[in-house]
Protein backbone atom coordinates (compact mmCIF):
# COMPACT_ATOMS: atom_id res chain seq x y z
CA MET A 1 -0.04 0.00 0.02
CA PRO A 2 1.47 3.36 -1.23
CA PRO A 3 2.29 5.98 1.72
CA ILE A 4 0.24 9.05 2.30
CA ILE A 5 1.92 11.78 0.91
CA LEU A 6 2.27 14.76 3.44
CA ASP A 7 1.70 17.46 0.64
CA GLY A 8 3.27 20.73 2.01
CA ARG A 9 2.55 22.73 -1.17
CA SER A 10 -1.22 22.10 -1.04
CA VAL A 11 -1.35 22.58 2.69
CA ALA A 12 0.67 25.90 2.59
CA LYS A 13 -1.58 27.00 -0.25
CA GLN A 14 -4.58 26.73 2.09
CA ILE A 15 -2.80 28.18 4.91
CA ARG A 16 -1.87 31.44 2.99
CA ALA A 17 -5.35 31.72 1.70
CA GLU A 18 -6.51 31.63 5.34
CA LEU A 19 -3.90 34.24 6.18
CA ARG A 20 -5.04 36.64 3.50
CA GLU A 21 -8.34 37.01 4.95
CA ARG A 22 -6.74 37.69 8.48
CA ILE A 23 -4.49 40.13 6.88
CA SER A 24 -7.18 41.79 5.01
CA MET A 25 -8.96 42.34 8.32
CA LEU A 26 -5.94 43.41 10.22
CA SER A 27 -5.28 46.09 7.43
CA SER A 28 -8.78 47.62 7.91
CA GLU A 29 -8.27 47.85 11.73
CA ARG A 30 -4.99 49.40 11.70
CA ALA A 31 -2.76 52.17 10.21
CA HIS A 32 -1.03 49.80 7.89
CA ALA A 33 -0.97 46.13 6.80
CA PRO A 34 0.97 43.67 8.62
CA THR A 35 4.64 44.46 7.46
CA LEU A 36 7.68 42.19 7.28
CA GLY A 37 11.04 43.65 7.45
CA VAL A 38 14.02 41.73 6.09
CA LEU A 39 17.53 42.50 6.48
CA GLN A 40 19.89 40.92 4.15
CA VAL A 41 23.64 41.29 3.41
CA ALA A 42 24.54 41.33 -0.25
CA GLY A 43 26.74 38.53 -1.80
CA ASP A 44 24.69 35.27 -1.56
CA ALA A 45 22.62 34.47 -4.54
CA ALA A 46 20.38 31.90 -2.62
CA SER A 47 19.54 34.61 -0.20
CA ASP A 48 18.52 36.84 -3.15
CA ARG A 49 16.27 33.96 -4.54
CA TYR A 50 14.77 33.36 -0.92
CA VAL A 51 14.06 37.02 -0.27
CA ARG A 52 12.44 37.46 -3.58
CA ALA A 53 10.23 34.67 -2.81
CA ILE A 54 9.32 36.16 0.54
CA ARG A 55 8.56 39.38 -1.08
CA LYS A 56 6.27 37.92 -3.64
CA MET A 57 4.60 35.88 -0.96
CA CYS A 58 3.85 38.98 1.16
CA GLU A 59 2.52 41.03 -1.87
CA GLU A 60 0.32 38.01 -2.76
CA ALA A 61 -1.30 37.95 0.79
CA GLY A 62 -1.61 41.54 1.07
CA ALA A 63 0.89 42.18 3.65
CA GLY A 64 3.61 44.93 3.45
CA PHE A 65 7.37 44.38 2.79
CA VAL A 66 10.44 46.45 3.74
CA GLY A 67 13.73 45.38 2.64
CA THR A 68 17.06 46.50 3.96
CA ILE A 69 20.30 45.48 2.04
CA LEU A 70 23.68 45.86 3.27
CA ALA A 71 27.01 45.70 1.60
CA ALA A 72 28.79 42.56 1.43
CA ASN A 73 31.63 44.01 3.45
CA ALA A 74 29.27 45.30 6.12
CA SER A 75 30.99 45.23 9.64
CA GLN A 76 29.49 43.58 12.92
CA SER A 77 28.40 46.96 14.11
CA GLN A 78 26.75 47.95 10.92
CA ILE A 79 24.62 45.02 10.80
CA GLU A 80 23.72 45.35 14.32
CA GLU A 81 22.84 48.84 14.04
CA ALA A 82 20.78 48.14 10.90
CA THR A 83 18.99 45.32 12.75
CA ALA A 84 18.15 47.54 15.77
CA ALA A 85 16.82 50.34 13.40
CA LEU A 86 14.75 47.99 11.57
CA SER A 87 13.21 46.53 14.83
CA ALA A 88 12.49 49.71 15.85
CA ARG A 89 10.27 50.95 13.10
CA PRO A 90 6.71 51.29 14.07
CA ASP A 91 5.41 50.36 10.42
CA VAL A 92 7.34 46.99 10.76
CA ASP A 93 5.57 44.14 12.54
CA GLY A 94 8.03 41.27 11.96
CA VAL A 95 11.83 41.18 11.53
CA LEU A 96 13.65 38.48 9.64
CA LEU A 97 17.35 38.41 9.51
CA GLN A 98 18.31 36.70 6.43
CA MET A 99 20.93 33.69 6.91
CA PRO A 100 23.70 33.21 6.28
CA LEU A 101 25.65 36.35 7.39
CA PRO A 102 29.16 36.70 6.03
CA VAL A 103 32.11 34.83 7.36
CA GLY A 104 33.43 36.42 10.63
CA ILE A 105 30.19 37.91 11.66
CA ASP A 106 28.71 36.66 14.86
CA SER A 107 25.24 35.85 14.11
CA ALA A 108 24.11 35.07 17.53
CA ALA A 109 25.30 38.79 18.75
CA VAL A 110 23.19 40.24 15.63
CA ILE A 111 20.15 38.27 16.76
CA THR A 112 19.94 39.90 20.33
CA TYR A 113 19.19 43.08 18.34
CA ILE A 114 15.86 41.82 17.11
CA ASP A 115 12.85 42.86 19.07
CA PRO A 116 11.52 39.39 20.43
CA ARG A 117 7.82 40.84 19.82
CA LYS A 118 8.74 40.91 16.19
CA ASP A 119 10.87 37.70 15.88
CA VAL A 120 8.96 36.06 13.00
CA ASP A 121 11.87 33.62 12.72
CA GLY A 122 11.68 32.44 16.26
CA VAL A 123 15.46 32.80 16.59
CA THR A 124 15.99 35.25 19.67
CA PRO A 125 16.81 33.77 23.15
CA GLN A 126 13.34 34.92 24.39
CA SER A 127 11.53 33.01 21.65
CA ALA A 128 13.70 30.08 22.48
CA GLY A 129 12.93 30.29 26.31
CA LEU A 130 9.22 30.34 25.71
CA LEU A 131 9.32 27.37 23.57
CA MET A 132 11.33 25.46 26.06
CA LEU A 133 8.54 26.50 28.85
CA GLY A 134 5.80 25.55 26.56
CA GLN A 135 4.49 29.04 26.59
CA PRO A 136 2.79 30.96 23.73
CA GLY A 137 5.30 32.59 21.43
CA LEU A 138 6.79 32.75 17.88
CA ARG A 139 8.23 29.47 16.90
CA PRO A 140 10.98 28.77 14.49
CA ASN A 141 9.18 28.50 11.00
CA THR A 142 10.65 25.21 9.76
CA PRO A 143 9.88 22.93 12.58
CA ALA A 144 6.48 24.73 13.07
CA GLY A 145 5.76 23.98 9.50
CA GLY A 146 6.34 20.29 10.06
CA MET A 147 4.18 20.24 13.12
CA GLU A 148 1.38 22.13 11.22
CA LEU A 149 1.66 19.51 8.34
CA LEU A 150 1.24 16.61 10.89
CA ARG A 151 -1.74 18.42 12.45
CA ARG A 152 -3.42 19.08 9.30
CA TYR A 153 -3.22 15.27 8.27
CA GLN A 154 -4.20 14.38 11.65
CA VAL A 155 -1.08 12.57 12.60
CA ALA A 156 -1.49 11.23 16.35
CA LEU A 157 1.40 12.40 18.42
CA LYS A 158 0.19 11.42 21.92
CA GLY A 159 2.24 8.69 23.22
CA ILE A 160 4.18 7.79 19.96
CA HIS A 161 8.07 7.46 19.84
CA ALA A 162 9.45 10.23 17.68
CA VAL A 163 13.14 9.96 16.76
CA VAL A 164 14.57 13.26 15.59
CA ILE A 165 17.88 13.05 13.88
CA GLY A 166 19.72 16.42 14.02
CA ARG A 167 20.14 18.79 17.08
CA SER A 168 20.39 22.12 15.28
CA ALA A 169 18.97 25.34 17.22
CA ILE A 170 16.72 26.16 14.39
CA VAL A 171 15.26 22.71 13.46
CA GLY A 172 16.31 19.61 15.45
CA ARG A 173 16.00 20.98 18.90
CA PRO A 174 12.83 23.03 18.66
CA MET A 175 11.09 20.05 16.64
CA ALA A 176 11.96 17.69 19.47
CA LEU A 177 10.41 20.17 22.06
CA LEU A 178 7.34 20.89 19.92
CA LEU A 179 6.76 17.02 19.96
CA LEU A 180 7.15 16.98 23.73
CA HIS A 181 4.56 19.61 24.00
CA GLU A 182 2.18 17.24 21.95
CA HIS A 183 3.20 14.42 24.55
CA ALA A 184 5.28 12.44 22.26
CA THR A 185 8.00 10.30 23.64
CA VAL A 186 11.13 11.99 21.88
CA THR A 187 14.76 10.70 21.17
CA ILE A 188 17.15 13.16 19.70
CA ALA A 189 19.79 11.28 17.52
CA HIS A 190 22.90 12.74 15.78
CA SER A 191 26.29 12.02 14.43
CA ARG A 192 27.52 10.50 17.40
CA THR A 193 24.62 8.09 18.10
CA PRO A 194 25.67 4.69 18.44
CA ASP A 195 23.78 2.33 16.12
CA LEU A 196 21.61 5.10 14.48
CA ALA A 197 19.76 2.56 12.50
CA ALA A 198 18.50 0.74 15.76
CA THR A 199 17.41 3.99 17.15
CA VAL A 200 15.54 4.94 14.03
CA ARG A 201 14.01 1.50 13.58
CA SER A 202 12.35 1.98 16.94
CA ALA A 203 10.48 5.15 15.97
CA ASP A 204 6.78 5.53 14.85
CA LEU A 205 7.56 8.97 13.69
CA VAL A 206 11.16 9.93 12.18
CA VAL A 207 12.22 13.51 11.73
CA ALA A 208 15.29 14.09 9.47
CA ALA A 209 17.13 17.30 9.96
CA VAL A 210 20.65 16.46 9.28
CA GLY A 211 21.66 17.97 5.65
CA ARG A 212 23.00 14.73 4.32
CA PRO A 213 21.29 13.06 1.24
CA GLY A 214 19.97 9.62 1.96
CA ILE A 215 21.32 9.24 5.41
CA ILE A 216 17.99 7.46 6.26
CA THR A 217 17.16 4.61 4.13
CA ALA A 218 14.52 2.21 3.91
CA ASP A 219 15.71 -0.54 5.93
CA MET A 220 16.23 1.79 8.98
CA LEU A 221 12.39 2.52 8.98
CA LYS A 222 9.65 0.69 11.11
CA PRO A 223 7.09 -0.37 8.62
CA GLY A 224 4.12 2.15 8.55
CA ALA A 225 6.47 4.85 10.37
CA VAL A 226 5.65 8.43 9.69
CA VAL A 227 8.47 10.50 8.13
CA VAL A 228 9.14 14.14 8.17
CA ASP A 229 12.08 15.10 5.89
CA PHE A 230 13.58 18.47 6.63
CA GLY A 231 16.69 17.88 4.29
CA ILE A 232 16.94 20.04 1.17
CA ASN A 233 20.10 18.73 -0.57
CA VAL A 234 21.21 19.82 -4.02
CA LEU A 235 23.26 17.17 -5.97
CA ALA A 236 25.90 17.69 -8.66
CA ASP A 237 23.12 17.20 -11.39
CA GLY A 238 21.03 19.95 -9.87
CA SER A 239 18.31 17.68 -8.50
CA MET A 240 17.04 18.23 -4.95
CA VAL A 241 16.73 15.38 -2.61
CA GLY A 242 16.05 15.00 0.96
CA ASP A 243 17.81 13.41 4.08
CA VAL A 244 15.50 10.20 3.47
CA ALA A 245 16.18 7.89 0.67
CA VAL A 246 13.58 7.78 -2.05
CA GLU A 247 13.15 4.02 -1.39
CA ALA A 248 11.83 4.86 2.19
CA ALA A 249 8.54 5.54 0.75
CA GLU A 250 8.01 1.72 0.03
CA VAL A 251 8.04 1.19 4.05
CA ALA A 252 6.70 4.56 5.30
CA GLY A 253 2.99 4.84 6.37
CA ALA A 254 3.19 8.68 5.52
CA ILE A 255 5.95 10.77 4.05
CA THR A 256 6.99 14.20 3.13
CA PRO A 257 8.13 14.69 -0.44
CA VAL A 258 11.51 16.70 -1.15
CA PRO A 259 10.63 19.04 -2.84
CA GLY A 260 7.21 19.98 -1.97
CA GLY A 261 7.03 18.81 1.56
CA THR A 262 8.47 20.88 4.42
CA GLY A 263 9.86 23.55 2.37
CA PRO A 264 6.57 25.36 1.26
CA MET A 265 5.51 25.06 4.95
CA THR A 266 8.24 27.08 6.30
CA ASN A 267 7.10 30.10 4.22
CA ALA A 268 3.76 29.74 5.01
CA MET A 269 4.74 29.70 8.99
CA LEU A 270 6.76 32.89 8.45
CA LEU A 271 3.60 34.44 7.20
CA GLN A 272 1.61 33.21 10.00
CA ASN A 273 4.23 34.54 12.60
CA LEU A 274 3.88 37.96 11.01
CA VAL A 275 0.17 37.92 11.40
CA ARG A 276 0.69 36.93 15.12
CA ALA A 277 3.34 39.41 15.64
CA ALA A 278 0.81 42.22 14.09
CA GLY A 279 -1.93 41.10 16.71
CA GLY A 280 -3.77 38.83 14.36
């Protein structure tokens, strides 16, 4: 029996339509539409493409967009000052610091200049603390998108064993916490986990967030397991694959495709966080 495809494209489209209505209502109640401010340092082509996509999404949803682009050789203090200035603007409801920053820049220090109330990427220490405590707040978009996809497909999480492979501060760890808050039993695995295959094979839900193509193979999965693949890896031939091998779909009960799974959900959650930051 083929797996259920957790289609992020269709769900993200539905979420954006819902948010357009909320943005329209907020725009009629306030002096300006919910507005996203993006700070970008020039010099990264992938960032350019992403920011263009974010701008287009905001425009299609009726939200405002303010872009600030700094020179590729901008200093630490210049980036920090620009971040603080963008956060202080009363016409900006949400602030996104586009990563990666240039080599030599202390990203963690720059993040502290984002107003936590406008932290639509869920990266400030204050947002991380609220997540840790299970209190309402702005969540990191990528794991929040994965959770929303599971919710929309009515995947039961209470009491299941979830294995999260990857411990980054922006995907793996927050995803583990979000699953804990839904009463899953969570194991975090990583590069130093002994016998990774055995750990993964015990999981009802497998979350891959490593950044290594095909690290999770079909023989590592429990038959019928749900698989959420956050991996986005571009191969030499230009094709895009996840952290989970394609053959894993033959074993999984439900799986996110790459592309078209968790990626579209990330942007939808960014827009949702903007609406929440604007009071909607």
